[in-house]
Amino acid sequence: KIKHKFGSVARIQKPIVYNCRKITDEQAINKLIEYGKPDIGR
């Protein structure tokens, strides 16, 4: 974050995106079913 006379400029991290295609762990798959949402367009 850098301040200037009119305010400030910040560099903000976006939410982490996960590569679901690589998920093979059974526990992770169960949680993917519980929390994931399909890409409606695809």
PDB file of all heavy atoms in Angstrom:
ATOM      1  N   LYS A   1       0.841  -1.194   0.000  1.00  0.00           N
ATOM      2  CA  LYS A   1       0.000   0.000   0.000  1.00  0.00           C
ATOM      3  C   LYS A   1       0.874   1.242   0.000  1.00  0.00           C
ATOM      4  O   LYS A   1       1.846   1.325   0.747  1.00  0.00           O
ATOM      5  CB  LYS A   1      -0.923   0.012   1.223  1.00  0.00           C
ATOM      6  CG  LYS A   1      -1.914   1.174   1.271  1.00  0.00           C
ATOM      7  CD  LYS A   1      -2.839   1.040   2.477  1.00  0.00           C
ATOM      8  CE  LYS A   1      -3.865   2.148   2.544  1.00  0.00           C
ATOM      9  NZ  LYS A   1      -4.775   1.998   3.713  1.00  0.00           N
ATOM     10  N   ILE A   2       0.522   2.208  -0.857  1.00  0.00           N
ATOM     11  CA  ILE A   2       1.255   3.464  -0.942  1.00  0.00           C
ATOM     12  C   ILE A   2       0.269   4.617  -0.839  1.00  0.00           C
ATOM     13  O   ILE A   2      -0.734   4.654  -1.556  1.00  0.00           O
ATOM     14  CB  ILE A   2       2.029   3.571  -2.270  1.00  0.00           C
ATOM     15  CG1 ILE A   2       3.102   2.481  -2.351  1.00  0.00           C
ATOM     16  CG2 ILE A   2       2.677   4.948  -2.410  1.00  0.00           C
ATOM     17  CD1 ILE A   2       3.866   2.465  -3.664  1.00  0.00           C
ATOM     18  N   LYS A   3       0.568   5.555   0.044  1.00  0.00           N
ATOM     19  CA  LYS A   3      -0.282   6.728   0.207  1.00  0.00           C
ATOM     20  C   LYS A   3       0.168   7.834  -0.749  1.00  0.00           C
ATOM     21  O   LYS A   3       1.332   7.926  -1.114  1.00  0.00           O
ATOM     22  CB  LYS A   3      -0.231   7.235   1.647  1.00  0.00           C
ATOM     23  CG  LYS A   3      -0.876   6.289   2.653  1.00  0.00           C
ATOM     24  CD  LYS A   3      -0.880   6.900   4.053  1.00  0.00           C
ATOM     25  CE  LYS A   3      -1.576   5.989   5.051  1.00  0.00           C
ATOM     26  NZ  LYS A   3      -1.601   6.588   6.415  1.00  0.00           N
ATOM     27  N   HIS A   4      -0.779   8.668  -1.149  1.00  0.00           N
ATOM     28  CA  HIS A   4      -0.489   9.869  -1.924  1.00  0.00           C
ATOM     29  C   HIS A   4      -1.452  10.953  -1.464  1.00  0.00           C
ATOM     30  O   HIS A   4      -2.312  10.712  -0.600  1.00  0.00           O
ATOM     31  CB  HIS A   4      -0.593   9.607  -3.430  1.00  0.00           C
ATOM     32  CG  HIS A   4      -1.912   9.052  -3.875  1.00  0.00           C
ATOM     33  ND1 HIS A   4      -3.008   9.838  -4.093  1.00  0.00           N
ATOM     34  CD2 HIS A   4      -2.308   7.776  -4.141  1.00  0.00           C
ATOM     35  CE1 HIS A   4      -4.022   9.095  -4.486  1.00  0.00           C
ATOM     36  NE2 HIS A   4      -3.634   7.827  -4.519  1.00  0.00           N
ATOM     37  N   LYS A   5      -1.362  12.144  -2.020  1.00  0.00           N
ATOM     38  CA  LYS A   5      -2.115  13.269  -1.455  1.00  0.00           C
ATOM     39  C   LYS A   5      -3.618  13.164  -1.673  1.00  0.00           C
ATOM     40  O   LYS A   5      -4.387  13.855  -1.010  1.00  0.00           O
ATOM     41  CB  LYS A   5      -1.592  14.598  -1.988  1.00  0.00           C
ATOM     42  CG  LYS A   5      -1.780  14.821  -3.480  1.00  0.00           C
ATOM     43  CD  LYS A   5      -1.175  16.171  -3.855  1.00  0.00           C
ATOM     44  CE  LYS A   5      -1.310  16.479  -5.331  1.00  0.00           C
ATOM     45  NZ  LYS A   5      -0.680  17.782  -5.678  1.00  0.00           N
ATOM     46  N   PHE A   6      -4.047  12.307  -2.584  1.00  0.00           N
ATOM     47  CA  PHE A   6      -5.477  12.136  -2.815  1.00  0.00           C
ATOM     48  C   PHE A   6      -6.025  10.854  -2.183  1.00  0.00           C
ATOM     49  O   PHE A   6      -7.211  10.565  -2.320  1.00  0.00           O
ATOM     50  CB  PHE A   6      -5.777  12.114  -4.317  1.00  0.00           C
ATOM     51  CG  PHE A   6      -5.465  13.410  -5.006  1.00  0.00           C
ATOM     52  CD1 PHE A   6      -4.478  13.459  -5.975  1.00  0.00           C
ATOM     53  CD2 PHE A   6      -6.141  14.568  -4.675  1.00  0.00           C
ATOM     54  CE1 PHE A   6      -4.183  14.655  -6.617  1.00  0.00           C
ATOM     55  CE2 PHE A   6      -5.850  15.771  -5.304  1.00  0.00           C
ATOM     56  CZ  PHE A   6      -4.858  15.819  -6.280  1.00  0.00           C
ATOM     57  N   GLY A   7      -5.178  10.091  -1.513  1.00  0.00           N
ATOM     58  CA  GLY A   7      -5.635   8.842  -0.899  1.00  0.00           C
ATOM     59  C   GLY A   7      -4.531   7.811  -0.883  1.00  0.00           C
ATOM     60  O   GLY A   7      -3.427   8.075  -0.404  1.00  0.00           O
ATOM     61  N   SER A   8      -4.798   6.638  -1.440  1.00  0.00           N
ATOM     62  CA  SER A   8      -3.796   5.577  -1.434  1.00  0.00           C
ATOM     63  C   SER A   8      -4.061   4.596  -2.574  1.00  0.00           C
ATOM     64  O   SER A   8      -5.143   4.573  -3.169  1.00  0.00           O
ATOM     65  CB  SER A   8      -3.801   4.834  -0.098  1.00  0.00           C
ATOM     66  OG  SER A   8      -5.053   4.181   0.104  1.00  0.00           O
ATOM     67  N   VAL A   9      -3.056   3.781  -2.842  1.00  0.00           N
ATOM     68  CA  VAL A   9      -3.155   2.687  -3.811  1.00  0.00           C
ATOM     69  C   VAL A   9      -2.718   1.416  -3.096  1.00  0.00           C
ATOM     70  O   VAL A   9      -1.666   1.393  -2.459  1.00  0.00           O
ATOM     71  CB  VAL A   9      -2.253   2.939  -5.037  1.00  0.00           C
ATOM     72  CG1 VAL A   9      -2.284   1.735  -5.965  1.00  0.00           C
ATOM     73  CG2 VAL A   9      -2.685   4.185  -5.780  1.00  0.00           C
ATOM     74  N   ALA A  10      -3.533   0.382  -3.170  1.00  0.00           N
ATOM     75  CA  ALA A  10      -3.219  -0.878  -2.497  1.00  0.00           C
ATOM     76  C   ALA A  10      -3.170  -2.025  -3.499  1.00  0.00           C
ATOM     77  O   ALA A  10      -3.876  -2.013  -4.516  1.00  0.00           O
ATOM     78  CB  ALA A  10      -4.248  -1.177  -1.401  1.00  0.00           C
ATOM     79  N   ARG A  11      -2.334  -2.989  -3.222  1.00  0.00           N
ATOM     80  CA  ARG A  11      -2.240  -4.218  -4.014  1.00  0.00           C
ATOM     81  C   ARG A  11      -2.912  -5.322  -3.203  1.00  0.00           C
ATOM     82  O   ARG A  11      -2.410  -5.754  -2.179  1.00  0.00           O
ATOM     83  CB  ARG A  11      -0.776  -4.553  -4.292  1.00  0.00           C
ATOM     84  CG  ARG A  11      -0.523  -5.808  -5.135  1.00  0.00           C
ATOM     85  CD  ARG A  11       0.970  -5.922  -5.423  1.00  0.00           C
ATOM     86  NE  ARG A  11       1.302  -7.078  -6.241  1.00  0.00           N
ATOM     87  CZ  ARG A  11       1.721  -8.248  -5.755  1.00  0.00           C
ATOM     88  NH1 ARG A  11       1.850  -8.415  -4.440  1.00  0.00           N
ATOM     89  NH2 ARG A  11       2.016  -9.250  -6.567  1.00  0.00           N
ATOM     90  N   ILE A  12      -4.084  -5.772  -3.661  1.00  0.00           N
ATOM     91  CA  ILE A  12      -4.924  -6.688  -2.903  1.00  0.00           C
ATOM     92  C   ILE A  12      -4.922  -8.072  -3.560  1.00  0.00           C
ATOM     93  O   ILE A  12      -5.101  -8.189  -4.773  1.00  0.00           O
ATOM     94  CB  ILE A  12      -6.378  -6.173  -2.825  1.00  0.00           C
ATOM     95  CG1 ILE A  12      -6.407  -4.730  -2.324  1.00  0.00           C
ATOM     96  CG2 ILE A  12      -7.222  -7.087  -1.949  1.00  0.00           C
ATOM     97  CD1 ILE A  12      -5.931  -4.546  -0.914  1.00  0.00           C
ATOM     98  N   GLN A  13      -4.716  -9.092  -2.726  1.00  0.00           N
ATOM     99  CA  GLN A  13      -4.754 -10.449  -3.270  1.00  0.00           C
ATOM    100  C   GLN A  13      -6.189 -10.912  -3.456  1.00  0.00           C
ATOM    101  O   GLN A  13      -7.046 -10.733  -2.588  1.00  0.00           O
ATOM    102  CB  GLN A  13      -4.042 -11.418  -2.330  1.00  0.00           C
ATOM    103  CG  GLN A  13      -4.018 -12.851  -2.856  1.00  0.00           C
ATOM    104  CD  GLN A  13      -3.246 -13.799  -1.962  1.00  0.00           C
ATOM    105  OE1 GLN A  13      -2.110 -13.517  -1.585  1.00  0.00           O
ATOM    106  NE2 GLN A  13      -3.854 -14.923  -1.607  1.00  0.00           N
ATOM    107  N   LYS A  14      -6.468 -11.502  -4.611  1.00  0.00           N
ATOM    108  CA  LYS A  14      -7.772 -12.084  -4.870  1.00  0.00           C
ATOM    109  C   LYS A  14      -7.875 -13.427  -4.147  1.00  0.00           C
ATOM    110  O   LYS A  14      -6.858 -14.006  -3.752  1.00  0.00           O
ATOM    111  CB  LYS A  14      -7.967 -12.296  -6.376  1.00  0.00           C
ATOM    112  CG  LYS A  14      -7.984 -11.020  -7.192  1.00  0.00           C
ATOM    113  CD  LYS A  14      -8.170 -11.327  -8.670  1.00  0.00           C
ATOM    114  CE  LYS A  14      -8.163 -10.067  -9.512  1.00  0.00           C
ATOM    115  NZ  LYS A  14      -8.347 -10.366 -10.958  1.00  0.00           N
ATOM    116  N   PRO A  15      -9.090 -13.943  -3.953  1.00  0.00           N
ATOM    117  CA  PRO A  15      -9.230 -15.277  -3.360  1.00  0.00           C
ATOM    118  C   PRO A  15      -8.438 -16.320  -4.162  1.00  0.00           C
ATOM    119  O   PRO A  15      -8.366 -16.247  -5.392  1.00  0.00           O
ATOM    120  CB  PRO A  15     -10.735 -15.548  -3.439  1.00  0.00           C
ATOM    121  CG  PRO A  15     -11.360 -14.186  -3.452  1.00  0.00           C
ATOM    122  CD  PRO A  15     -10.405 -13.312  -4.219  1.00  0.00           C
ATOM    123  N   ILE A  16      -7.847 -17.256  -3.446  1.00  0.00           N
ATOM    124  CA  ILE A  16      -7.094 -18.325  -4.085  1.00  0.00           C
ATOM    125  C   ILE A  16      -8.049 -19.220  -4.882  1.00  0.00           C
ATOM    126  O   ILE A  16      -9.102 -19.608  -4.385  1.00  0.00           O
ATOM    127  CB  ILE A  16      -6.345 -19.178  -3.045  1.00  0.00           C
ATOM    128  CG1 ILE A  16      -5.261 -18.338  -2.349  1.00  0.00           C
ATOM    129  CG2 ILE A  16      -5.733 -20.420  -3.680  1.00  0.00           C
ATOM    130  CD1 ILE A  16      -4.112 -17.957  -3.250  1.00  0.00           C
ATOM    131  N   VAL A  17      -7.677 -19.520  -6.117  1.00  0.00           N
ATOM    132  CA  VAL A  17      -8.462 -20.418  -6.960  1.00  0.00           C
ATOM    133  C   VAL A  17      -7.781 -21.781  -6.970  1.00  0.00           C
ATOM    134  O   VAL A  17      -6.547 -21.871  -7.060  1.00  0.00           O
ATOM    135  CB  VAL A  17      -8.578 -19.868  -8.398  1.00  0.00           C
ATOM    136  CG1 VAL A  17      -9.308 -20.860  -9.298  1.00  0.00           C
ATOM    137  CG2 VAL A  17      -9.297 -18.525  -8.385  1.00  0.00           C
ATOM    138  N   TYR A  18      -8.572 -22.841  -6.877  1.00  0.00           N
ATOM    139  CA  TYR A  18      -8.014 -24.191  -6.812  1.00  0.00           C
ATOM    140  C   TYR A  18      -8.176 -24.914  -8.147  1.00  0.00           C
ATOM    141  O   TYR A  18      -9.185 -24.738  -8.849  1.00  0.00           O
ATOM    142  CB  TYR A  18      -8.704 -24.988  -5.707  1.00  0.00           C
ATOM    143  CG  TYR A  18      -8.542 -24.361  -4.349  1.00  0.00           C
ATOM    144  CD1 TYR A  18      -9.626 -23.726  -3.722  1.00  0.00           C
ATOM    145  CD2 TYR A  18      -7.321 -24.353  -3.697  1.00  0.00           C
ATOM    146  CE1 TYR A  18      -9.484 -23.129  -2.489  1.00  0.00           C
ATOM    147  CE2 TYR A  18      -7.164 -23.747  -2.459  1.00  0.00           C
ATOM    148  CZ  TYR A  18      -8.246 -23.134  -1.855  1.00  0.00           C
ATOM    149  OH  TYR A  18      -8.107 -22.533  -0.638  1.00  0.00           O
ATOM    150  N   ASN A  19      -7.177 -25.721  -8.473  1.00  0.00           N
ATOM    151  CA  ASN A  19      -7.215 -26.542  -9.678  1.00  0.00           C
ATOM    152  C   ASN A  19      -7.948 -27.838  -9.353  1.00  0.00           C
ATOM    153  O   ASN A  19      -7.347 -28.809  -8.891  1.00  0.00           O
ATOM    154  CB  ASN A  19      -5.799 -26.829 -10.173  1.00  0.00           C
ATOM    155  CG  ASN A  19      -5.786 -27.532 -11.512  1.00  0.00           C
ATOM    156  OD1 ASN A  19      -6.799 -28.081 -11.957  1.00  0.00           O
ATOM    157  ND2 ASN A  19      -4.640 -27.526 -12.171  1.00  0.00           N
ATOM    158  N   CYS A  20      -9.246 -27.835  -9.588  1.00  0.00           N
ATOM    159  CA  CYS A  20     -10.072 -28.975  -9.178  1.00  0.00           C
ATOM    160  C   CYS A  20      -9.759 -30.237  -9.974  1.00  0.00           C
ATOM    161  O   CYS A  20     -10.004 -31.350  -9.497  1.00  0.00           O
ATOM    162  CB  CYS A  20     -11.557 -28.620  -9.313  1.00  0.00           C
ATOM    163  SG  CYS A  20     -12.081 -27.302  -8.193  1.00  0.00           S
ATOM    164  N   ARG A  21      -9.224 -30.091 -11.165  1.00  0.00           N
ATOM    165  CA  ARG A  21      -8.914 -31.260 -11.985  1.00  0.00           C
ATOM    166  C   ARG A  21      -7.863 -32.154 -11.341  1.00  0.00           C
ATOM    167  O   ARG A  21      -7.792 -33.351 -11.630  1.00  0.00           O
ATOM    168  CB  ARG A  21      -8.429 -30.819 -13.367  1.00  0.00           C
ATOM    169  CG  ARG A  21      -9.525 -30.243 -14.258  1.00  0.00           C
ATOM    170  CD  ARG A  21      -8.952 -29.730 -15.561  1.00  0.00           C
ATOM    171  NE  ARG A  21      -9.997 -29.244 -16.466  1.00  0.00           N
ATOM    172  CZ  ARG A  21     -10.547 -29.979 -17.417  1.00  0.00           C
ATOM    173  NH1 ARG A  21     -10.155 -31.225 -17.594  1.00  0.00           N
ATOM    174  NH2 ARG A  21     -11.487 -29.468 -18.212  1.00  0.00           N
ATOM    175  N   LYS A  22      -7.024 -31.586 -10.463  1.00  0.00           N
ATOM    176  CA  LYS A  22      -5.953 -32.350  -9.828  1.00  0.00           C
ATOM    177  C   LYS A  22      -6.381 -33.018  -8.527  1.00  0.00           C
ATOM    178  O   LYS A  22      -5.587 -33.738  -7.901  1.00  0.00           O
ATOM    179  CB  LYS A  22      -4.762 -31.427  -9.566  1.00  0.00           C
ATOM    180  CG  LYS A  22      -4.076 -30.938 -10.835  1.00  0.00           C
ATOM    181  CD  LYS A  22      -2.822 -30.136 -10.507  1.00  0.00           C
ATOM    182  CE  LYS A  22      -2.083 -29.731 -11.775  1.00  0.00           C
ATOM    183  NZ  LYS A  22      -0.844 -28.956 -11.472  1.00  0.00           N
ATOM    184  N   ILE A  23      -7.607 -32.790  -8.108  1.00  0.00           N
ATOM    185  CA  ILE A  23      -8.057 -33.323  -6.818  1.00  0.00           C
ATOM    186  C   ILE A  23      -8.400 -34.805  -6.953  1.00  0.00           C
ATOM    187  O   ILE A  23      -9.296 -35.183  -7.711  1.00  0.00           O
ATOM    188  CB  ILE A  23      -9.274 -32.537  -6.292  1.00  0.00           C
ATOM    189  CG1 ILE A  23      -8.897 -31.076  -6.055  1.00  0.00           C
ATOM    190  CG2 ILE A  23      -9.807 -33.170  -5.004  1.00  0.00           C
ATOM    191  CD1 ILE A  23     -10.061 -30.199  -5.630  1.00  0.00           C
ATOM    192  N   THR A  24      -7.666 -35.638  -6.205  1.00  0.00           N
ATOM    193  CA  THR A  24      -7.914 -37.082  -6.189  1.00  0.00           C
ATOM    194  C   THR A  24      -8.105 -37.611  -4.769  1.00  0.00           C
ATOM    195  O   THR A  24      -8.640 -38.706  -4.584  1.00  0.00           O
ATOM    196  CB  THR A  24      -6.752 -37.843  -6.850  1.00  0.00           C
ATOM    197  OG1 THR A  24      -5.519 -37.495  -6.199  1.00  0.00           O
ATOM    198  CG2 THR A  24      -6.639 -37.483  -8.336  1.00  0.00           C
ATOM    199  N   ASP A  25      -7.682 -36.820  -3.780  1.00  0.00           N
ATOM    200  CA  ASP A  25      -7.825 -37.224  -2.380  1.00  0.00           C
ATOM    201  C   ASP A  25      -9.306 -37.359  -2.027  1.00  0.00           C
ATOM    202  O   ASP A  25     -10.115 -36.472  -2.326  1.00  0.00           O
ATOM    203  CB  ASP A  25      -7.152 -36.180  -1.481  1.00  0.00           C
ATOM    204  CG  ASP A  25      -7.334 -36.481  -0.003  1.00  0.00           C
ATOM    205  OD1 ASP A  25      -6.634 -37.364   0.506  1.00  0.00           O
ATOM    206  OD2 ASP A  25      -8.213 -35.829   0.606  1.00  0.00           O
ATOM    207  N   GLU A  26      -9.660 -38.482  -1.390  1.00  0.00           N
ATOM    208  CA  GLU A  26     -11.063 -38.775  -1.103  1.00  0.00           C
ATOM    209  C   GLU A  26     -11.703 -37.724  -0.206  1.00  0.00           C
ATOM    210  O   GLU A  26     -12.842 -37.294  -0.445  1.00  0.00           O
ATOM    211  CB  GLU A  26     -11.193 -40.160  -0.468  1.00  0.00           C
ATOM    212  CG  GLU A  26     -12.641 -40.578  -0.229  1.00  0.00           C
ATOM    213  CD  GLU A  26     -12.765 -41.994   0.320  1.00  0.00           C
ATOM    214  OE1 GLU A  26     -11.746 -42.702   0.381  1.00  0.00           O
ATOM    215  OE2 GLU A  26     -13.892 -42.376   0.699  1.00  0.00           O
ATOM    216  N   GLN A  27     -10.990 -37.302   0.829  1.00  0.00           N
ATOM    217  CA  GLN A  27     -11.545 -36.284   1.725  1.00  0.00           C
ATOM    218  C   GLN A  27     -11.769 -34.965   0.989  1.00  0.00           C
ATOM    219  O   GLN A  27     -12.805 -34.313   1.156  1.00  0.00           O
ATOM    220  CB  GLN A  27     -10.615 -36.054   2.925  1.00  0.00           C
ATOM    221  CG  GLN A  27     -11.178 -35.060   3.937  1.00  0.00           C
ATOM    222  CD  GLN A  27     -10.205 -34.769   5.075  1.00  0.00           C
ATOM    223  OE1 GLN A  27      -9.063 -35.241   5.069  1.00  0.00           O
ATOM    224  NE2 GLN A  27     -10.652 -33.992   6.044  1.00  0.00           N
ATOM    225  N   ALA A  28     -10.803 -34.591   0.138  1.00  0.00           N
ATOM    226  CA  ALA A  28     -10.937 -33.349  -0.625  1.00  0.00           C
ATOM    227  C   ALA A  28     -12.101 -33.445  -1.614  1.00  0.00           C
ATOM    228  O   ALA A  28     -12.833 -32.465  -1.818  1.00  0.00           O
ATOM    229  CB  ALA A  28      -9.631 -33.044  -1.361  1.00  0.00           C
ATOM    230  N   ILE A  29     -12.305 -34.626  -2.212  1.00  0.00           N
ATOM    231  CA  ILE A  29     -13.421 -34.798  -3.145  1.00  0.00           C
ATOM    232  C   ILE A  29     -14.751 -34.645  -2.420  1.00  0.00           C
ATOM    233  O   ILE A  29     -15.684 -34.002  -2.910  1.00  0.00           O
ATOM    234  CB  ILE A  29     -13.335 -36.179  -3.836  1.00  0.00           C
ATOM    235  CG1 ILE A  29     -12.174 -36.183  -4.829  1.00  0.00           C
ATOM    236  CG2 ILE A  29     -14.644 -36.491  -4.564  1.00  0.00           C
ATOM    237  CD1 ILE A  29     -11.936 -37.528  -5.480  1.00  0.00           C
ATOM    238  N   ASN A  30     -14.842 -35.211  -1.226  1.00  0.00           N
ATOM    239  CA  ASN A  30     -16.078 -35.080  -0.443  1.00  0.00           C
ATOM    240  C   ASN A  30     -16.372 -33.613  -0.121  1.00  0.00           C
ATOM    241  O   ASN A  30     -17.539 -33.181  -0.162  1.00  0.00           O
ATOM    242  CB  ASN A  30     -15.970 -35.896   0.848  1.00  0.00           C
ATOM    243  CG  ASN A  30     -16.044 -37.391   0.591  1.00  0.00           C
ATOM    244  OD1 ASN A  30     -16.634 -37.839  -0.397  1.00  0.00           O
ATOM    245  ND2 ASN A  30     -15.443 -38.183   1.466  1.00  0.00           N
ATOM    246  N   LYS A  31     -15.332 -32.863   0.219  1.00  0.00           N
ATOM    247  CA  LYS A  31     -15.520 -31.443   0.514  1.00  0.00           C
ATOM    248  C   LYS A  31     -15.807 -30.645  -0.758  1.00  0.00           C
ATOM    249  O   LYS A  31     -16.525 -29.641  -0.719  1.00  0.00           O
ATOM    250  CB  LYS A  31     -14.291 -30.875   1.229  1.00  0.00           C
ATOM    251  CG  LYS A  31     -14.075 -31.465   2.622  1.00  0.00           C
ATOM    252  CD  LYS A  31     -15.292 -31.253   3.521  1.00  0.00           C
ATOM    253  CE  LYS A  31     -15.109 -31.838   4.907  1.00  0.00           C
ATOM    254  NZ  LYS A  31     -16.310 -31.685   5.766  1.00  0.00           N
ATOM    255  N   LEU A  32     -15.252 -31.104  -1.876  1.00  0.00           N
ATOM    256  CA  LEU A  32     -15.547 -30.461  -3.152  1.00  0.00           C
ATOM    257  C   LEU A  32     -17.028 -30.611  -3.492  1.00  0.00           C
ATOM    258  O   LEU A  32     -17.663 -29.674  -3.966  1.00  0.00           O
ATOM    259  CB  LEU A  32     -14.684 -31.084  -4.250  1.00  0.00           C
ATOM    260  CG  LEU A  32     -14.779 -30.462  -5.644  1.00  0.00           C
ATOM    261  CD1 LEU A  32     -14.315 -29.008  -5.621  1.00  0.00           C
ATOM    262  CD2 LEU A  32     -13.957 -31.270  -6.649  1.00  0.00           C
ATOM    263  N   ILE A  33     -17.575 -31.788  -3.228  1.00  0.00           N
ATOM    264  CA  ILE A  33     -19.009 -32.018  -3.437  1.00  0.00           C
ATOM    265  C   ILE A  33     -19.836 -31.106  -2.536  1.00  0.00           C
ATOM    266  O   ILE A  33     -20.865 -30.566  -2.942  1.00  0.00           O
ATOM    267  CB  ILE A  33     -19.355 -33.501  -3.176  1.00  0.00           C
ATOM    268  CG1 ILE A  33     -18.722 -34.391  -4.253  1.00  0.00           C
ATOM    269  CG2 ILE A  33     -20.866 -33.712  -3.128  1.00  0.00           C
ATOM    270  CD1 ILE A  33     -18.869 -35.882  -3.985  1.00  0.00           C
ATOM    271  N   GLU A  34     -19.349 -30.918  -1.312  1.00  0.00           N
ATOM    272  CA  GLU A  34     -20.100 -30.129  -0.333  1.00  0.00           C
ATOM    273  C   GLU A  34     -20.027 -28.626  -0.595  1.00  0.00           C
ATOM    274  O   GLU A  34     -21.029 -27.911  -0.442  1.00  0.00           O
ATOM    275  CB  GLU A  34     -19.567 -30.421   1.070  1.00  0.00           C
ATOM    276  CG  GLU A  34     -20.321 -29.717   2.183  1.00  0.00           C
ATOM    277  CD  GLU A  34     -19.806 -30.081   3.577  1.00  0.00           C
ATOM    278  OE1 GLU A  34     -18.948 -30.989   3.685  1.00  0.00           O
ATOM    279  OE2 GLU A  34     -20.252 -29.447   4.555  1.00  0.00           O
ATOM    280  N   TYR A  35     -18.848 -28.131  -1.017  1.00  0.00           N
ATOM    281  CA  TYR A  35     -18.643 -26.687  -1.120  1.00  0.00           C
ATOM    282  C   TYR A  35     -18.541 -26.151  -2.553  1.00  0.00           C
ATOM    283  O   TYR A  35     -18.716 -24.954  -2.772  1.00  0.00           O
ATOM    284  CB  TYR A  35     -17.358 -26.284  -0.371  1.00  0.00           C
ATOM    285  CG  TYR A  35     -17.490 -26.351   1.130  1.00  0.00           C
ATOM    286  CD1 TYR A  35     -17.148 -27.510   1.820  1.00  0.00           C
ATOM    287  CD2 TYR A  35     -17.957 -25.266   1.860  1.00  0.00           C
ATOM    288  CE1 TYR A  35     -17.261 -27.582   3.202  1.00  0.00           C
ATOM    289  CE2 TYR A  35     -18.072 -25.319   3.242  1.00  0.00           C
ATOM    290  CZ  TYR A  35     -17.724 -26.487   3.908  1.00  0.00           C
ATOM    291  OH  TYR A  35     -17.847 -26.556   5.271  1.00  0.00           O
ATOM    292  N   GLY A  36     -18.247 -27.011  -3.503  1.00  0.00           N
ATOM    293  CA  GLY A  36     -18.010 -26.546  -4.859  1.00  0.00           C
ATOM    294  C   GLY A  36     -19.291 -26.173  -5.596  1.00  0.00           C
ATOM    295  O   GLY A  36     -20.395 -26.593  -5.237  1.00  0.00           O
ATOM    296  N   LYS A  37     -19.127 -25.381  -6.646  1.00  0.00           N
ATOM    297  CA  LYS A  37     -20.241 -25.020  -7.528  1.00  0.00           C
ATOM    298  C   LYS A  37     -19.771 -25.186  -8.962  1.00  0.00           C
ATOM    299  O   LYS A  37     -18.660 -24.761  -9.317  1.00  0.00           O
ATOM    300  CB  LYS A  37     -20.693 -23.578  -7.293  1.00  0.00           C
ATOM    301  CG  LYS A  37     -21.338 -23.348  -5.932  1.00  0.00           C
ATOM    302  CD  LYS A  37     -21.785 -21.902  -5.786  1.00  0.00           C
ATOM    303  CE  LYS A  37     -22.442 -21.672  -4.436  1.00  0.00           C
ATOM    304  NZ  LYS A  37     -22.873 -20.260  -4.261  1.00  0.00           N
ATOM    305  N   PRO A  38     -20.586 -25.791  -9.812  1.00  0.00           N
ATOM    306  CA  PRO A  38     -20.160 -25.971 -11.201  1.00  0.00           C
ATOM    307  C   PRO A  38     -20.125 -24.647 -11.952  1.00  0.00           C
ATOM    308  O   PRO A  38     -20.865 -23.716 -11.636  1.00  0.00           O
ATOM    309  CB  PRO A  38     -21.227 -26.910 -11.777  1.00  0.00           C
ATOM    310  CG  PRO A  38     -22.434 -26.691 -10.925  1.00  0.00           C
ATOM    311  CD  PRO A  38     -21.919 -26.366  -9.557  1.00  0.00           C
ATOM    312  N   ASP A  39     -19.245 -24.575 -12.921  1.00  0.00           N
ATOM    313  CA  ASP A  39     -19.215 -23.451 -13.850  1.00  0.00           C
ATOM    314  C   ASP A  39     -20.446 -23.595 -14.742  1.00  0.00           C
ATOM    315  O   ASP A  39     -20.515 -24.493 -15.587  1.00  0.00           O
ATOM    316  CB  ASP A  39     -17.925 -23.514 -14.670  1.00  0.00           C
ATOM    317  CG  ASP A  39     -17.784 -22.355 -15.639  1.00  0.00           C
ATOM    318  OD1 ASP A  39     -18.797 -21.975 -16.263  1.00  0.00           O
ATOM    319  OD2 ASP A  39     -16.666 -21.835 -15.784  1.00  0.00           O
ATOM    320  N   ILE A  40     -21.449 -22.724 -14.553  1.00  0.00           N
ATOM    321  CA  ILE A  40     -22.735 -22.885 -15.239  1.00  0.00           C
ATOM    322  C   ILE A  40     -22.574 -22.811 -16.759  1.00  0.00           C
ATOM    323  O   ILE A  40     -23.225 -23.550 -17.506  1.00  0.00           O
ATOM    324  CB  ILE A  40     -23.750 -21.834 -14.750  1.00  0.00           C
ATOM    325  CG1 ILE A  40     -23.976 -21.986 -13.225  1.00  0.00           C
ATOM    326  CG2 ILE A  40     -25.070 -21.984 -15.503  1.00  0.00           C
ATOM    327  CD1 ILE A  40     -24.490 -23.348 -12.819  1.00  0.00           C
ATOM    328  N   GLY A  41     -21.697 -21.932 -17.231  1.00  0.00           N
ATOM    329  CA  GLY A  41     -21.475 -21.831 -18.658  1.00  0.00           C
ATOM    330  C   GLY A  41     -20.953 -23.130 -19.245  1.00  0.00           C
ATOM    331  O   GLY A  41     -21.448 -23.614 -20.279  1.00  0.00           O
ATOM    332  N   ARG A  42     -19.984 -23.732 -18.591  1.00  0.00           N
ATOM    333  CA  ARG A  42     -19.430 -24.996 -19.077  1.00  0.00           C
ATOM    334  C   ARG A  42     -20.438 -26.130 -18.892  1.00  0.00           C
ATOM    335  O   ARG A  42     -20.507 -27.053 -19.702  1.00  0.00           O
ATOM    336  CB  ARG A  42     -18.129 -25.313 -18.348  1.00  0.00           C
ATOM    337  CG  ARG A  42     -17.027 -24.296 -18.584  1.00  0.00           C
ATOM    338  CD  ARG A  42     -15.694 -24.752 -18.022  1.00  0.00           C
ATOM    339  NE  ARG A  42     -15.239 -25.945 -18.728  1.00  0.00           N
ATOM    340  CZ  ARG A  42     -14.572 -26.933 -18.152  1.00  0.00           C
ATOM    341  NH1 ARG A  42     -14.325 -26.888 -16.849  1.00  0.00           N
ATOM    342  NH2 ARG A  42     -14.157 -27.970 -18.848  1.00  0.00           N
TER     343      ARG A  42
END
